[in-house]
Amino acid sequence: MKKFYSTILFLFFIVLFAGAVLDGKTPANYFAGKWDVTVVGTPQGDARLIVCLEEKDGKLTGKIVDPATNTEISPISDLTQAEKSVTFYFNAQGYTVSLQLKEKDKNSVTGSMMDMFDASGTRIEKK
């Protein structure tokens, strides 16, 4: 009988510990934040833009910002997120443009614009 109570007590602590671990803070969405992205080889030359992504109600939304003037170029539309990548669309010079970013490491992404031009970016750390 003593062994039975010990086993029950042991199981109780395992469940309690597992609940405490699972109740911990959910990790933030990898892509949420500001990204300094450079697209290489466009007809107008290399393009640099700031991608601002934020998570609202469990979904990513955002905008594209001009790094020189810090003004919004275009809101992001039709964003799709996979496990280690994100694809979204925005307007640039009258055209709807797609940009796919893939997780490279903790603070870097790679990808492509319109499946034609290579893109790479780094996370802009909050000051």
N, C-alpha and C. Protein backbone atom coordinates (compact mmCIF):
# COMPACT_ATOMS: atom_id res chain seq x y z
N MET A 1 0.82 -1.19 0.00
CA MET A 1 0.00 0.00 0.00
C MET A 1 0.87 1.26 0.00
N LYS A 2 1.96 1.21 0.73
CA LYS A 2 2.86 2.35 0.79
C LYS A 2 3.45 2.63 -0.61
N LYS A 3 3.74 1.58 -1.35
CA LYS A 3 4.28 1.72 -2.69
C LYS A 3 3.24 2.36 -3.62
N PHE A 4 1.99 2.00 -3.44
CA PHE A 4 0.90 2.56 -4.24
C PHE A 4 0.81 4.07 -4.05
N TYR A 5 0.82 4.53 -2.79
CA TYR A 5 0.76 5.96 -2.50
C TYR A 5 1.99 6.70 -3.04
N SER A 6 3.14 6.08 -2.96
CA SER A 6 4.36 6.68 -3.49
C SER A 6 4.26 6.85 -5.01
N THR A 7 3.72 5.84 -5.66
CA THR A 7 3.55 5.90 -7.11
C THR A 7 2.56 7.00 -7.49
N ILE A 8 1.45 7.11 -6.79
CA ILE A 8 0.45 8.15 -7.05
C ILE A 8 1.07 9.53 -6.84
N LEU A 9 1.80 9.70 -5.76
CA LEU A 9 2.46 10.97 -5.46
C LEU A 9 3.47 11.32 -6.56
N PHE A 10 4.23 10.31 -7.00
CA PHE A 10 5.21 10.52 -8.07
C PHE A 10 4.51 10.97 -9.36
N LEU A 11 3.43 10.32 -9.74
CA LEU A 11 2.68 10.69 -10.94
C LEU A 11 2.09 12.10 -10.81
N PHE A 12 1.63 12.45 -9.62
CA PHE A 12 1.08 13.77 -9.40
C PHE A 12 2.13 14.85 -9.66
N PHE A 13 3.35 14.64 -9.16
CA PHE A 13 4.41 15.62 -9.37
C PHE A 13 4.84 15.69 -10.84
N ILE A 14 4.80 14.57 -11.53
CA ILE A 14 5.13 14.58 -12.96
C ILE A 14 4.10 15.42 -13.71
N VAL A 15 2.83 15.21 -13.43
CA VAL A 15 1.77 15.98 -14.09
C VAL A 15 1.89 17.45 -13.72
N LEU A 16 2.16 17.76 -12.47
CA LEU A 16 2.32 19.14 -12.02
C LEU A 16 3.50 19.80 -12.74
N PHE A 17 4.63 19.11 -12.82
CA PHE A 17 5.81 19.65 -13.49
C PHE A 17 5.55 19.85 -14.99
N ALA A 18 4.92 18.88 -15.63
CA ALA A 18 4.62 19.00 -17.06
C ALA A 18 3.69 20.18 -17.31
N GLY A 19 2.73 20.38 -16.45
CA GLY A 19 1.82 21.52 -16.59
C GLY A 19 2.55 22.84 -16.44
N ALA A 20 3.49 22.91 -15.53
CA ALA A 20 4.26 24.14 -15.33
C ALA A 20 5.13 24.43 -16.54
N VAL A 21 5.72 23.40 -17.14
CA VAL A 21 6.56 23.58 -18.31
C VAL A 21 5.72 24.02 -19.50
N LEU A 22 4.57 23.38 -19.71
CA LEU A 22 3.72 23.72 -20.85
C LEU A 22 3.06 25.08 -20.68
N ASP A 23 2.88 25.52 -19.44
CA ASP A 23 2.24 26.80 -19.18
C ASP A 23 3.21 27.96 -19.36
N GLY A 24 4.48 27.65 -19.59
CA GLY A 24 5.48 28.70 -19.77
C GLY A 24 5.14 29.57 -20.98
N LYS A 25 5.84 30.64 -21.09
CA LYS A 25 5.58 31.60 -22.16
C LYS A 25 5.75 30.95 -23.53
N THR A 26 4.75 31.12 -24.38
CA THR A 26 4.82 30.60 -25.72
C THR A 26 5.87 31.39 -26.50
N PRO A 27 6.73 30.69 -27.25
CA PRO A 27 7.75 31.42 -27.98
C PRO A 27 7.12 32.35 -29.01
N ALA A 28 7.73 33.51 -29.19
CA ALA A 28 7.22 34.49 -30.14
C ALA A 28 7.38 33.97 -31.56
N ASN A 29 6.57 34.47 -32.45
CA ASN A 29 6.67 34.11 -33.85
C ASN A 29 8.03 34.55 -34.38
N TYR A 30 8.76 33.64 -35.01
CA TYR A 30 10.11 33.94 -35.50
C TYR A 30 10.13 35.17 -36.41
N PHE A 31 9.14 35.31 -37.28
CA PHE A 31 9.16 36.37 -38.28
C PHE A 31 8.65 37.70 -37.76
N ALA A 32 8.04 37.73 -36.60
CA ALA A 32 7.55 39.00 -36.05
C ALA A 32 8.72 39.92 -35.74
N GLY A 33 8.60 41.17 -36.14
CA GLY A 33 9.65 42.15 -35.91
C GLY A 33 9.98 42.89 -37.19
N LYS A 34 11.08 43.64 -37.14
CA LYS A 34 11.53 44.41 -38.31
C LYS A 34 12.70 43.69 -38.95
N TRP A 35 12.68 43.64 -40.28
CA TRP A 35 13.71 42.98 -41.05
C TRP A 35 14.27 43.95 -42.09
N ASP A 36 15.58 44.05 -42.17
CA ASP A 36 16.26 44.83 -43.20
C ASP A 36 16.57 43.87 -44.34
N VAL A 37 15.82 43.97 -45.44
CA VAL A 37 15.90 43.01 -46.53
C VAL A 37 16.49 43.69 -47.77
N THR A 38 17.43 43.02 -48.41
CA THR A 38 18.01 43.47 -49.66
C THR A 38 17.67 42.47 -50.75
N VAL A 39 17.12 42.98 -51.85
CA VAL A 39 16.79 42.15 -53.01
C VAL A 39 17.81 42.50 -54.10
N VAL A 40 18.50 41.49 -54.60
CA VAL A 40 19.62 41.70 -55.52
C VAL A 40 19.18 41.46 -56.97
N GLY A 41 19.60 42.37 -57.86
CA GLY A 41 19.45 42.15 -59.28
C GLY A 41 18.13 42.56 -59.91
N THR A 42 17.37 43.43 -59.26
CA THR A 42 16.13 43.89 -59.87
C THR A 42 16.46 44.80 -61.05
N PRO A 43 15.51 45.04 -61.97
CA PRO A 43 15.80 45.92 -63.10
C PRO A 43 16.26 47.32 -62.69
N GLN A 44 15.84 47.79 -61.50
CA GLN A 44 16.26 49.10 -61.02
C GLN A 44 17.50 49.01 -60.13
N GLY A 45 18.13 47.85 -60.09
CA GLY A 45 19.30 47.64 -59.24
C GLY A 45 18.90 46.96 -57.94
N ASP A 46 19.84 46.84 -57.04
CA ASP A 46 19.55 46.21 -55.75
C ASP A 46 18.57 47.08 -54.97
N ALA A 47 17.59 46.43 -54.38
CA ALA A 47 16.56 47.16 -53.63
C ALA A 47 16.66 46.80 -52.15
N ARG A 48 16.63 47.82 -51.32
CA ARG A 48 16.65 47.63 -49.87
C ARG A 48 15.32 48.11 -49.33
N LEU A 49 14.71 47.29 -48.47
CA LEU A 49 13.45 47.67 -47.85
C LEU A 49 13.37 47.11 -46.44
N ILE A 50 12.55 47.74 -45.65
CA ILE A 50 12.32 47.29 -44.28
C ILE A 50 10.96 46.60 -44.25
N VAL A 51 10.96 45.35 -43.81
CA VAL A 51 9.74 44.58 -43.68
C VAL A 51 9.37 44.58 -42.20
N CYS A 52 8.22 45.15 -41.88
CA CYS A 52 7.73 45.21 -40.50
C CYS A 52 6.59 44.22 -40.35
N LEU A 53 6.81 43.16 -39.59
CA LEU A 53 5.79 42.14 -39.36
C LEU A 53 5.42 42.12 -37.90
N GLU A 54 4.13 42.04 -37.62
CA GLU A 54 3.69 41.94 -36.24
C GLU A 54 2.57 40.90 -36.16
N GLU A 55 2.50 40.27 -35.01
CA GLU A 55 1.50 39.24 -34.80
C GLU A 55 0.30 39.85 -34.09
N LYS A 56 -0.88 39.72 -34.71
CA LYS A 56 -2.13 40.19 -34.13
C LYS A 56 -3.14 39.06 -34.16
N ASP A 57 -3.66 38.73 -33.01
CA ASP A 57 -4.65 37.66 -32.89
C ASP A 57 -4.16 36.36 -33.52
N GLY A 58 -2.88 36.05 -33.35
CA GLY A 58 -2.32 34.80 -33.85
C GLY A 58 -1.96 34.80 -35.32
N LYS A 59 -2.11 35.93 -36.01
CA LYS A 59 -1.77 36.01 -37.43
C LYS A 59 -0.78 37.14 -37.66
N LEU A 60 0.08 36.95 -38.64
CA LEU A 60 1.04 37.99 -38.99
C LEU A 60 0.41 39.00 -39.94
N THR A 61 0.70 40.26 -39.70
CA THR A 61 0.33 41.35 -40.60
C THR A 61 1.55 42.26 -40.69
N GLY A 62 1.49 43.24 -41.56
CA GLY A 62 2.64 44.12 -41.61
C GLY A 62 2.60 45.12 -42.74
N LYS A 63 3.78 45.71 -42.95
CA LYS A 63 3.93 46.74 -43.97
C LYS A 63 5.37 46.77 -44.45
N ILE A 64 5.56 47.38 -45.62
CA ILE A 64 6.88 47.60 -46.19
C ILE A 64 7.22 49.07 -46.01
N VAL A 65 8.42 49.35 -45.50
CA VAL A 65 8.83 50.72 -45.20
C VAL A 65 10.08 51.05 -46.00
N ASP A 66 10.15 52.27 -46.50
CA ASP A 66 11.32 52.78 -47.20
C ASP A 66 12.40 53.09 -46.15
N PRO A 67 13.58 52.46 -46.24
CA PRO A 67 14.61 52.70 -45.22
C PRO A 67 15.17 54.12 -45.24
N ALA A 68 15.12 54.79 -46.38
CA ALA A 68 15.69 56.14 -46.48
C ALA A 68 14.80 57.17 -45.80
N THR A 69 13.48 57.06 -45.99
CA THR A 69 12.56 58.07 -45.45
C THR A 69 11.76 57.58 -44.25
N ASN A 70 11.83 56.29 -43.98
CA ASN A 70 11.08 55.67 -42.89
C ASN A 70 9.56 55.85 -43.04
N THR A 71 9.11 55.93 -44.30
CA THR A 71 7.68 56.04 -44.58
C THR A 71 7.17 54.72 -45.17
N GLU A 72 5.89 54.47 -44.97
CA GLU A 72 5.30 53.23 -45.46
C GLU A 72 5.20 53.26 -46.98
N ILE A 73 5.69 52.20 -47.61
CA ILE A 73 5.58 52.04 -49.06
C ILE A 73 4.26 51.36 -49.39
N SER A 74 3.97 50.27 -48.66
CA SER A 74 2.79 49.48 -48.96
C SER A 74 2.43 48.59 -47.78
N PRO A 75 1.14 48.39 -47.54
CA PRO A 75 0.76 47.38 -46.56
C PRO A 75 0.96 45.98 -47.16
N ILE A 76 1.16 45.01 -46.31
CA ILE A 76 1.32 43.63 -46.76
C ILE A 76 -0.07 43.02 -46.87
N SER A 77 -0.26 42.29 -47.98
CA SER A 77 -1.54 41.58 -48.16
C SER A 77 -1.27 40.10 -48.37
N ASP A 78 -2.25 39.31 -48.13
CA ASP A 78 -2.22 37.87 -48.40
C ASP A 78 -0.94 37.20 -47.90
N LEU A 79 -0.76 37.18 -46.60
CA LEU A 79 0.42 36.60 -45.99
C LEU A 79 0.15 35.14 -45.65
N THR A 80 1.06 34.27 -46.05
CA THR A 80 0.97 32.84 -45.74
C THR A 80 2.23 32.43 -45.01
N GLN A 81 2.06 31.76 -43.87
CA GLN A 81 3.22 31.33 -43.09
C GLN A 81 3.26 29.82 -43.01
N ALA A 82 4.43 29.26 -43.28
CA ALA A 82 4.69 27.84 -43.09
C ALA A 82 5.59 27.69 -41.87
N GLU A 83 6.09 26.49 -41.64
CA GLU A 83 6.89 26.25 -40.44
C GLU A 83 8.14 27.13 -40.37
N LYS A 84 8.89 27.22 -41.45
CA LYS A 84 10.13 27.99 -41.44
C LYS A 84 10.19 29.01 -42.56
N SER A 85 9.04 29.43 -43.07
CA SER A 85 9.04 30.43 -44.13
C SER A 85 7.75 31.25 -44.07
N VAL A 86 7.80 32.37 -44.75
CA VAL A 86 6.65 33.25 -44.86
C VAL A 86 6.64 33.83 -46.28
N THR A 87 5.46 33.89 -46.88
CA THR A 87 5.30 34.48 -48.20
C THR A 87 4.21 35.53 -48.12
N PHE A 88 4.47 36.70 -48.68
CA PHE A 88 3.46 37.75 -48.64
C PHE A 88 3.55 38.60 -49.91
N TYR A 89 2.53 39.41 -50.10
CA TYR A 89 2.42 40.25 -51.29
C TYR A 89 2.29 41.71 -50.86
N PHE A 90 2.81 42.60 -51.72
CA PHE A 90 2.67 44.03 -51.50
C PHE A 90 2.76 44.73 -52.85
N ASN A 91 2.35 45.99 -52.89
CA ASN A 91 2.39 46.77 -54.13
C ASN A 91 3.68 47.57 -54.20
N ALA A 92 4.31 47.51 -55.38
CA ALA A 92 5.53 48.28 -55.63
C ALA A 92 5.49 48.77 -57.07
N GLN A 93 5.55 50.06 -57.24
CA GLN A 93 5.55 50.70 -58.54
C GLN A 93 4.39 50.22 -59.41
N GLY A 94 3.22 50.06 -58.79
CA GLY A 94 2.02 49.69 -59.52
C GLY A 94 1.84 48.21 -59.76
N TYR A 95 2.74 47.38 -59.28
CA TYR A 95 2.66 45.93 -59.47
C TYR A 95 2.50 45.24 -58.13
N THR A 96 1.80 44.11 -58.13
CA THR A 96 1.73 43.28 -56.93
C THR A 96 2.94 42.36 -56.96
N VAL A 97 3.73 42.43 -55.90
CA VAL A 97 5.01 41.73 -55.82
C VAL A 97 4.94 40.72 -54.67
N SER A 98 5.51 39.54 -54.89
CA SER A 98 5.57 38.55 -53.82
C SER A 98 7.00 38.50 -53.27
N LEU A 99 7.09 38.24 -51.98
CA LEU A 99 8.39 38.09 -51.32
C LEU A 99 8.30 36.90 -50.40
N GLN A 100 9.20 35.95 -50.59
CA GLN A 100 9.26 34.78 -49.71
C GLN A 100 10.53 34.86 -48.89
N LEU A 101 10.39 34.70 -47.59
CA LEU A 101 11.53 34.70 -46.68
C LEU A 101 11.57 33.37 -45.95
N LYS A 102 12.78 32.81 -45.84
CA LYS A 102 12.98 31.55 -45.14
C LYS A 102 13.95 31.76 -43.99
N GLU A 103 13.68 31.10 -42.90
CA GLU A 103 14.54 31.19 -41.71
C GLU A 103 15.92 30.61 -42.04
N LYS A 104 16.96 31.41 -41.80
CA LYS A 104 18.34 30.95 -42.03
C LYS A 104 19.00 30.61 -40.70
N ASP A 105 19.02 31.56 -39.80
CA ASP A 105 19.49 31.33 -38.44
C ASP A 105 18.73 32.27 -37.52
N LYS A 106 19.22 32.47 -36.31
CA LYS A 106 18.46 33.22 -35.31
C LYS A 106 18.03 34.61 -35.78
N ASN A 107 18.87 35.32 -36.49
CA ASN A 107 18.56 36.69 -36.90
C ASN A 107 18.75 36.95 -38.38
N SER A 108 18.65 35.91 -39.21
CA SER A 108 18.86 36.07 -40.65
C SER A 108 17.80 35.30 -41.43
N VAL A 109 17.47 35.85 -42.59
CA VAL A 109 16.56 35.19 -43.52
C VAL A 109 17.15 35.24 -44.92
N THR A 110 16.73 34.30 -45.74
CA THR A 110 17.04 34.31 -47.16
C THR A 110 15.72 34.11 -47.89
N GLY A 111 15.72 34.33 -49.18
CA GLY A 111 14.49 34.10 -49.92
C GLY A 111 14.57 34.63 -51.33
N SER A 112 13.39 34.94 -51.86
CA SER A 112 13.35 35.46 -53.22
C SER A 112 12.14 36.36 -53.42
N MET A 113 12.29 37.28 -54.35
CA MET A 113 11.19 38.14 -54.74
C MET A 113 10.72 37.66 -56.11
N MET A 114 9.44 37.39 -56.22
CA MET A 114 8.82 36.95 -57.46
C MET A 114 9.49 35.69 -58.02
N ASP A 115 10.12 34.90 -57.18
CA ASP A 115 10.86 33.69 -57.59
C ASP A 115 11.91 33.99 -58.65
N MET A 116 12.37 35.24 -58.74
CA MET A 116 13.37 35.62 -59.73
C MET A 116 14.60 36.28 -59.13
N PHE A 117 14.41 37.03 -58.06
CA PHE A 117 15.51 37.82 -57.50
C PHE A 117 15.81 37.35 -56.08
N ASP A 118 17.09 37.09 -55.81
CA ASP A 118 17.50 36.63 -54.48
C ASP A 118 17.34 37.74 -53.46
N ALA A 119 16.92 37.32 -52.27
CA ALA A 119 16.75 38.27 -51.17
C ALA A 119 17.44 37.72 -49.93
N SER A 120 17.96 38.62 -49.12
CA SER A 120 18.53 38.25 -47.83
C SER A 120 18.24 39.37 -46.85
N GLY A 121 18.15 39.01 -45.60
CA GLY A 121 17.83 40.03 -44.62
C GLY A 121 18.32 39.69 -43.23
N THR A 122 18.36 40.72 -42.40
CA THR A 122 18.74 40.56 -41.00
C THR A 122 17.70 41.25 -40.14
N ARG A 123 17.52 40.70 -38.96
CA ARG A 123 16.57 41.27 -38.00
C ARG A 123 17.12 42.59 -37.48
N ILE A 124 16.25 43.59 -37.37
CA ILE A 124 16.62 44.86 -36.77
C ILE A 124 16.28 44.77 -35.30
N GLU A 125 17.31 44.80 -34.47
CA GLU A 125 17.12 44.65 -33.03
C GLU A 125 16.51 45.91 -32.44
N LYS A 126 15.63 45.72 -31.46
CA LYS A 126 15.04 46.85 -30.76
C LYS A 126 16.10 47.49 -29.89
N LYS A 127 16.09 48.82 -29.83
CA LYS A 127 17.08 49.53 -29.02
C LYS A 127 16.58 49.71 -27.62
